[in-house]
Amino acid sequence: MRRGPASTLLHYFLWAFIVTGLGLVLGAVLGWQTTGTWNGALTIFFICAVLAVLEISLSFDNAIVNANKLKEMTPKWQRRFLTWGILIAVFGMRIVFPLLIVVIAAGVGPWEALVMAAARPEDYAHIMETAHLPIAAFGGTFLMMVGLGFFFDSDKDVHWVTWLEARMSSYAAVRGIEVAVVLLVILAFQRLLPEAQQMTFLTAAIWGLVTFLVVEVAGGLLDRKEAALQAGARGGVGAFLYLEVLDASFSFDGVIGAFALSQNLFVIAIGLGIGAMYVRSMTIMLVEKGTLAEYRYLEHGAFYAIIALSVIMFAQSLVHIPEVITGLAGAALIGVSFWSSVRWNRRNTAAG
């Protein structure tokens, strides 16, 4: 039986809607407990809603890239990513990751960091802000490698911006070309920074590059081992590991940017956790409905958005860029790629 638009939406986003309701109620309760006023409860409720929208706007490209990788994975590992992966994304990146930054930056224990988040949110937010430079360098490097890897591919035969993508595809045979491009970008941004910050930026960026290469190598070895144990297995534990690190890199910008709206770790976790559930739902819908195959340039737009996000993260080491610009840039690129895909489908349908 064919589903209507409303039933399709409910089918894929039911759990996201449930988590939204529970999260917003929990946010209002938290606001009431911390302020004791209806105004305070409504304020926290509103902040949680805005953070959720911010996370969704920043994560369109994340959902598309997840779907691109998931379609190559075995059903078993697809289920594992959509269950275990979302738990890691919500609790690991939205709660544990900010705590870990404070633990490392302030040299305190995990319990002290948690107490600081609850009792001294201003100090907590200040430490997070001071850690922004290395986080931006690390995340920007990792994401740029992900984005360039899509275009520097000799097997890629569908091009959106043909004059650029065809040339990049033709250079894919040059070993290490993505690494060379990323290193040149890193060195260019490093030279623009004050001398006192240059080594911090460079070290974090190199670690981002090393992390990408280690994940690629480890993923390939793990998938090869699994394929040897189970004939035909593709995209197993290695792809799972790749997607988790990728989600972490996407989350860096949102987690840091969230402190501009609230200094309360628990409010941030609620808002970003709601947004993460919508990313999961969008990923499932893209995989099951075959949307990436139907709209041929949608992946291209997502990977252009990833490269744009990486450049923005690098640029944030120099100037503050509002999160709304980051979100709109990615959404605009994906929107244009979707529109181009629709136009291509119409032309070919008419020609057929």
Protein backbone atom coordinates (compact mmCIF):
# COMPACT_ATOMS: atom_id res chain seq x y z
CA MET A 1 0.00 0.00 0.00
CA ARG A 2 1.40 3.37 -1.00
CA ARG A 3 1.84 5.86 1.84
CA GLY A 4 0.68 9.45 1.58
CA PRO A 5 3.10 12.31 2.37
CA ALA A 6 1.81 12.70 5.93
CA SER A 7 2.01 8.98 6.76
CA THR A 8 5.48 8.77 5.16
CA LEU A 9 6.67 11.67 7.30
CA LEU A 10 5.24 10.05 10.43
CA HIS A 11 6.78 6.70 9.53
CA TYR A 12 10.31 8.07 9.32
CA PHE A 13 10.17 10.83 11.93
CA LEU A 14 7.98 9.26 14.65
CA TRP A 15 10.83 8.74 17.12
CA ALA A 16 12.27 12.17 16.32
CA PHE A 17 8.88 13.72 17.14
CA ILE A 18 8.66 11.73 20.40
CA VAL A 19 12.19 12.76 21.45
CA THR A 20 11.36 16.38 20.52
CA GLY A 21 8.33 16.39 22.82
CA LEU A 22 10.16 14.74 25.71
CA GLY A 23 13.22 16.94 25.25
CA LEU A 24 11.30 20.20 25.18
CA VAL A 25 9.29 19.19 28.27
CA LEU A 26 12.54 18.24 30.03
CA GLY A 27 14.02 21.61 29.02
CA ALA A 28 11.03 23.47 30.48
CA VAL A 29 11.31 21.46 33.71
CA LEU A 30 15.04 22.22 33.88
CA GLY A 31 14.29 25.91 33.36
CA TRP A 32 11.71 25.86 36.16
CA GLN A 33 14.09 24.10 38.56
CA THR A 34 16.99 26.47 37.86
CA THR A 35 14.98 29.74 37.87
CA GLY A 36 11.73 28.96 39.69
CA THR A 37 9.76 31.13 37.23
CA TRP A 38 7.53 30.49 34.21
CA ASN A 39 9.60 32.98 32.25
CA GLY A 40 12.75 30.95 32.98
CA ALA A 41 11.01 27.72 31.98
CA LEU A 42 9.84 29.22 28.68
CA THR A 43 13.30 30.66 28.01
CA ILE A 44 15.02 27.26 28.37
CA PHE A 45 12.21 25.65 26.34
CA PHE A 46 12.85 28.15 23.53
CA ILE A 47 16.66 27.73 23.69
CA CYS A 48 16.31 23.94 23.39
CA ALA A 49 14.07 24.40 20.33
CA VAL A 50 16.51 26.84 18.69
CA LEU A 51 19.46 24.52 19.36
CA ALA A 52 17.56 21.63 17.76
CA VAL A 53 16.86 23.73 14.64
CA LEU A 54 20.53 24.82 14.56
CA GLU A 55 21.70 21.20 14.72
CA ILE A 56 19.31 20.14 11.95
CA SER A 57 20.35 23.03 9.68
CA LEU A 58 24.03 22.16 10.15
CA SER A 59 23.46 18.44 9.57
CA PHE A 60 21.68 18.14 6.20
CA ASP A 61 24.98 17.24 4.59
CA ASN A 62 25.78 14.85 7.45
CA ALA A 63 22.58 12.89 6.77
CA ILE A 64 23.32 12.68 3.03
CA VAL A 65 26.89 11.48 3.58
CA ASN A 66 25.67 8.95 6.16
CA ALA A 67 23.13 7.64 3.64
CA ASN A 68 25.81 7.46 0.95
CA LYS A 69 27.94 5.22 3.18
CA LEU A 70 25.05 3.24 4.66
CA LYS A 71 23.77 2.06 1.28
CA GLU A 72 27.07 0.14 0.91
CA MET A 73 26.84 -1.48 4.36
CA THR A 74 25.33 -4.85 5.21
CA PRO A 75 21.85 -4.75 6.80
CA LYS A 76 23.35 -5.88 10.12
CA TRP A 77 25.76 -2.96 10.26
CA GLN A 78 23.11 -0.54 9.04
CA ARG A 79 20.97 -1.49 12.04
CA ARG A 80 23.94 -1.20 14.38
CA PHE A 81 24.81 2.26 13.17
CA LEU A 82 21.20 3.46 13.43
CA THR A 83 20.93 2.16 17.03
CA TRP A 84 24.37 2.17 18.65
CA GLY A 85 25.55 5.00 16.42
CA ILE A 86 22.78 7.35 17.50
CA LEU A 87 23.50 6.62 21.18
CA ILE A 88 27.16 7.47 20.61
CA ALA A 89 26.16 10.61 18.66
CA VAL A 90 23.74 11.90 21.30
CA PHE A 91 25.48 10.93 24.53
CA GLY A 92 29.07 10.75 23.34
CA MET A 93 29.38 13.89 21.24
CA ARG A 94 26.77 16.06 22.98
CA ILE A 95 27.69 15.25 26.61
CA VAL A 96 30.98 13.32 26.92
CA PHE A 97 32.85 15.32 24.27
CA PRO A 98 32.32 18.77 25.86
CA LEU A 99 33.26 17.31 29.26
CA LEU A 100 36.39 15.75 27.78
CA ILE A 101 37.48 19.10 26.37
CA VAL A 102 37.23 20.69 29.82
CA VAL A 103 39.02 17.74 31.43
CA ILE A 104 41.97 18.15 29.04
CA ALA A 105 42.02 21.96 28.83
CA ALA A 106 41.59 22.62 32.57
CA GLY A 107 43.48 19.58 33.82
CA VAL A 108 40.61 18.46 36.07
CA GLY A 109 38.90 15.14 36.60
CA PRO A 110 35.67 14.11 34.81
CA TRP A 111 33.59 14.53 37.99
CA GLU A 112 35.04 18.02 38.61
CA ALA A 113 34.21 18.97 35.02
CA LEU A 114 30.63 17.76 35.49
CA VAL A 115 30.30 19.73 38.74
CA MET A 116 31.72 22.80 36.99
CA ALA A 117 29.15 22.42 34.19
CA ALA A 118 26.32 22.28 36.73
CA ALA A 119 27.52 24.82 39.32
CA ARG A 120 29.82 27.20 37.39
CA PRO A 121 28.58 27.27 33.78
CA GLU A 122 30.40 30.56 33.04
CA ASP A 123 33.81 29.01 33.82
CA TYR A 124 32.85 25.92 31.84
CA ALA A 125 31.86 27.96 28.78
CA HIS A 126 35.10 29.99 29.01
CA ILE A 127 37.22 26.83 28.90
CA MET A 128 35.24 25.56 25.92
CA GLU A 129 35.84 28.87 24.14
CA THR A 130 39.61 28.72 24.72
CA ALA A 131 39.65 25.23 23.17
CA HIS A 132 37.94 26.43 19.99
CA LEU A 133 41.14 26.97 17.94
CA PRO A 134 42.47 23.37 18.05
CA ILE A 135 38.95 21.96 17.63
CA ALA A 136 38.37 24.07 14.51
CA ALA A 137 41.74 23.04 13.05
CA PHE A 138 41.18 19.33 13.78
CA GLY A 139 37.58 19.23 12.55
CA GLY A 140 38.24 21.40 9.50
CA THR A 141 41.09 19.17 8.36
CA PHE A 142 39.12 15.96 8.78
CA LEU A 143 36.08 17.31 6.95
CA MET A 144 38.15 18.73 4.09
CA MET A 145 39.71 15.29 3.55
CA VAL A 146 36.22 13.76 3.48
CA GLY A 147 34.96 16.32 0.95
CA LEU A 148 37.96 16.16 -1.38
CA GLY A 149 37.93 12.35 -1.28
CA PHE A 150 34.56 12.38 -3.05
CA PHE A 151 35.77 14.52 -5.95
CA PHE A 152 39.29 13.09 -6.34
CA ASP A 153 37.89 9.73 -7.45
CA SER A 154 38.86 8.19 -10.78
CA ASP A 155 35.68 6.07 -10.81
CA LYS A 156 33.40 9.09 -10.44
CA ASP A 157 31.52 9.56 -13.73
CA VAL A 158 28.61 11.82 -12.69
CA HIS A 159 29.65 15.47 -12.53
CA TRP A 160 27.57 18.43 -11.42
CA VAL A 161 30.08 21.28 -11.93
CA THR A 162 31.59 19.49 -14.91
CA TRP A 163 34.56 21.75 -15.68
CA LEU A 164 35.83 21.41 -12.09
CA GLU A 165 34.81 17.89 -11.12
CA ALA A 166 35.98 16.23 -14.34
CA ARG A 167 39.40 17.77 -13.86
CA MET A 168 39.57 16.70 -10.21
CA SER A 169 38.55 13.18 -11.17
CA SER A 170 41.28 13.05 -13.84
CA TYR A 171 43.91 13.99 -11.22
CA ALA A 172 42.75 11.27 -8.81
CA ALA A 173 45.47 8.91 -10.03
CA VAL A 174 48.10 11.24 -8.54
CA ARG A 175 48.86 9.61 -5.20
CA GLY A 176 48.30 11.79 -2.16
CA ILE A 177 46.83 14.74 -4.05
CA GLU A 178 44.08 15.30 -1.43
CA VAL A 179 46.68 15.33 1.35
CA ALA A 180 48.80 17.86 -0.58
CA VAL A 181 45.82 20.18 -1.14
CA VAL A 182 44.77 20.02 2.52
CA LEU A 183 48.32 20.66 3.75
CA LEU A 184 48.57 23.74 1.51
CA VAL A 185 45.30 25.08 2.93
CA ILE A 186 46.48 24.41 6.49
CA LEU A 187 49.76 26.25 5.90
CA ALA A 188 47.94 29.19 4.29
CA PHE A 189 45.63 29.65 7.30
CA GLN A 190 48.48 29.10 9.75
CA ARG A 191 50.42 32.02 8.29
CA LEU A 192 47.43 34.32 8.87
CA LEU A 193 47.29 33.53 12.61
CA PRO A 194 49.26 35.33 15.34
CA GLU A 195 52.59 33.64 15.95
CA ALA A 196 51.53 32.45 19.43
CA GLN A 197 48.65 30.44 17.93
CA GLN A 198 50.35 29.02 14.86
CA MET A 199 51.83 25.90 16.46
CA THR A 200 48.57 25.04 18.25
CA PHE A 201 46.65 25.32 14.99
CA LEU A 202 49.22 23.32 13.00
CA THR A 203 49.47 20.52 15.59
CA ALA A 204 45.69 20.09 15.82
CA ALA A 205 45.34 20.16 12.02
CA ILE A 206 48.01 17.49 11.58
CA TRP A 207 46.23 15.32 14.15
CA GLY A 208 43.02 15.77 12.16
CA LEU A 209 44.82 14.58 9.02
CA VAL A 210 46.42 11.64 10.86
CA THR A 211 43.04 10.67 12.34
CA PHE A 212 41.43 10.60 8.89
CA LEU A 213 44.23 8.43 7.47
CA VAL A 214 44.18 6.08 10.48
CA VAL A 215 40.40 5.67 10.21
CA GLU A 216 40.70 4.97 6.47
CA VAL A 217 43.45 2.37 6.97
CA ALA A 218 41.81 0.76 10.03
CA GLY A 219 38.43 0.69 8.28
CA GLY A 220 39.89 -1.03 5.24
CA LEU A 221 41.70 -3.64 7.34
CA LEU A 222 38.68 -4.34 9.55
CA ASP A 223 36.32 -4.66 6.58
CA ARG A 224 38.76 -6.97 4.81
CA LYS A 225 38.94 -9.17 7.89
CA GLU A 226 35.16 -9.27 8.20
CA ALA A 227 34.79 -10.04 4.49
CA ALA A 228 37.16 -12.99 4.95
CA LEU A 229 34.96 -14.32 7.75
CA GLN A 230 31.68 -13.64 5.96
CA ALA A 231 31.73 -13.83 2.18
CA GLY A 232 30.33 -10.76 0.51
CA ALA A 233 30.32 -8.60 3.64
CA ARG A 234 30.90 -4.96 2.80
CA GLY A 235 30.91 -1.79 4.81
CA GLY A 236 30.95 -3.38 8.25
CA VAL A 237 32.90 -2.31 11.32
CA GLY A 238 35.26 -0.14 9.27
CA ALA A 239 32.43 1.88 7.76
CA PHE A 240 30.82 2.12 11.21
CA LEU A 241 34.05 3.57 12.62
CA TYR A 242 34.33 6.00 9.69
CA LEU A 243 30.77 7.28 10.18
CA GLU A 244 31.25 7.77 13.92
CA VAL A 245 34.39 9.87 13.45
CA LEU A 246 32.66 11.77 10.64
CA ASP A 247 29.67 12.52 12.89
CA ALA A 248 32.07 13.73 15.57
CA SER A 249 33.69 16.13 13.11
CA PHE A 250 30.31 17.48 12.02
CA SER A 251 29.39 17.95 15.68
CA PHE A 252 32.41 20.08 16.61
CA ASP A 253 30.96 23.25 15.10
CA GLY A 254 27.49 22.75 16.56
CA VAL A 255 28.70 21.92 20.07
CA ILE A 256 31.01 24.93 20.25
CA GLY A 257 28.46 27.24 18.64
CA ALA A 258 25.76 26.13 21.08
CA PHE A 259 27.58 27.90 23.91
CA ALA A 260 26.64 31.19 22.26
CA LEU A 261 23.00 30.42 23.17
CA SER A 262 23.44 28.67 26.52
CA GLN A 263 26.25 27.91 28.93
CA ASN A 264 24.34 25.01 30.49
CA LEU A 265 25.72 21.65 29.33
CA PHE A 266 22.42 19.88 29.96
CA VAL A 267 20.38 22.39 27.94
CA ILE A 268 22.87 22.02 25.08
CA ALA A 269 22.68 18.22 25.29
CA ILE A 270 18.87 18.32 25.08
CA GLY A 271 18.75 20.70 22.11
CA LEU A 272 21.50 19.03 20.08
CA GLY A 273 20.23 15.56 21.01
CA ILE A 274 16.83 16.42 19.49
CA GLY A 275 18.58 17.59 16.32
CA ALA A 276 20.63 14.37 16.17
CA MET A 277 17.43 12.30 16.13
CA TYR A 278 16.23 14.17 13.02
CA VAL A 279 19.58 13.49 11.33
CA ARG A 280 19.04 9.78 12.03
CA SER A 281 15.50 9.90 10.62
CA MET A 282 16.62 11.77 7.50
CA THR A 283 19.40 9.21 6.98
CA ILE A 284 16.94 6.28 7.15
CA MET A 285 14.56 7.99 4.73
CA LEU A 286 17.32 8.73 2.22
CA VAL A 287 18.49 5.10 2.28
CA GLU A 288 15.10 3.38 2.14
CA LYS A 289 13.51 5.67 -0.46
CA GLY A 290 16.59 5.68 -2.70
CA THR A 291 16.62 9.47 -2.75
CA LEU A 292 20.32 9.70 -3.61
CA ALA A 293 19.78 7.63 -6.75
CA GLU A 294 16.69 9.63 -7.72
CA TYR A 295 18.41 13.02 -7.36
CA ARG A 296 21.80 12.55 -9.00
CA TYR A 297 23.46 15.78 -7.81
CA LEU A 298 22.32 15.68 -4.18
CA GLU A 299 25.50 13.97 -2.99
CA HIS A 300 27.59 16.53 -4.87
CA GLY A 301 25.85 19.35 -3.02
CA ALA A 302 26.44 17.63 0.31
CA PHE A 303 30.15 17.19 -0.31
CA TYR A 304 30.50 20.78 -1.51
CA ALA A 305 28.78 21.75 1.75
CA ILE A 306 31.31 19.66 3.69
CA ILE A 307 34.21 21.46 2.01
CA ALA A 308 32.53 24.81 2.69
CA LEU A 309 32.07 23.85 6.36
CA SER A 310 35.74 22.87 6.62
CA VAL A 311 36.83 26.24 5.19
CA ILE A 312 34.46 28.02 7.60
CA MET A 313 35.95 26.11 10.54
CA PHE A 314 39.43 27.18 9.44
CA ALA A 315 38.23 30.77 9.01
CA GLN A 316 36.73 30.74 12.51
CA SER A 317 40.27 30.56 13.84
CA LEU A 318 40.64 34.11 12.49
CA VAL A 319 37.17 35.69 12.81
CA HIS A 320 33.85 34.80 14.38
CA ILE A 321 31.34 33.45 11.86
CA PRO A 322 27.73 33.17 13.11
CA GLU A 323 26.34 29.63 13.12
CA VAL A 324 23.37 30.79 11.03
CA ILE A 325 25.76 31.53 8.15
CA THR A 326 27.30 28.07 8.46
CA GLY A 327 23.90 26.43 8.40
CA LEU A 328 22.56 28.52 5.53
CA ALA A 329 25.66 27.93 3.39
CA GLY A 330 25.28 24.15 3.61
CA ALA A 331 21.52 24.25 3.12
CA ALA A 332 21.90 26.54 0.09
CA LEU A 333 24.41 24.24 -1.63
CA ILE A 334 22.22 21.19 -1.02
CA GLY A 335 19.14 23.11 -2.18
CA VAL A 336 20.80 24.15 -5.44
CA SER A 337 22.01 20.59 -6.07
CA PHE A 338 18.47 19.30 -5.46
CA TRP A 339 17.04 21.87 -7.90
CA SER A 340 19.67 20.90 -10.51
CA SER A 341 18.75 17.23 -10.04
CA VAL A 342 15.05 17.98 -10.59
CA ARG A 343 15.86 19.93 -13.76
CA TRP A 344 18.02 17.05 -15.04
CA ASN A 345 15.23 14.55 -14.36
CA ARG A 346 12.68 16.70 -16.20
CA ARG A 347 14.93 17.15 -19.25
CA ASN A 348 15.65 13.42 -19.49
CA THR A 349 12.00 12.50 -18.94
CA ALA A 350 10.99 14.83 -21.75
CA ALA A 351 13.73 13.49 -24.01
CA GLY A 352 12.71 9.89 -23.19
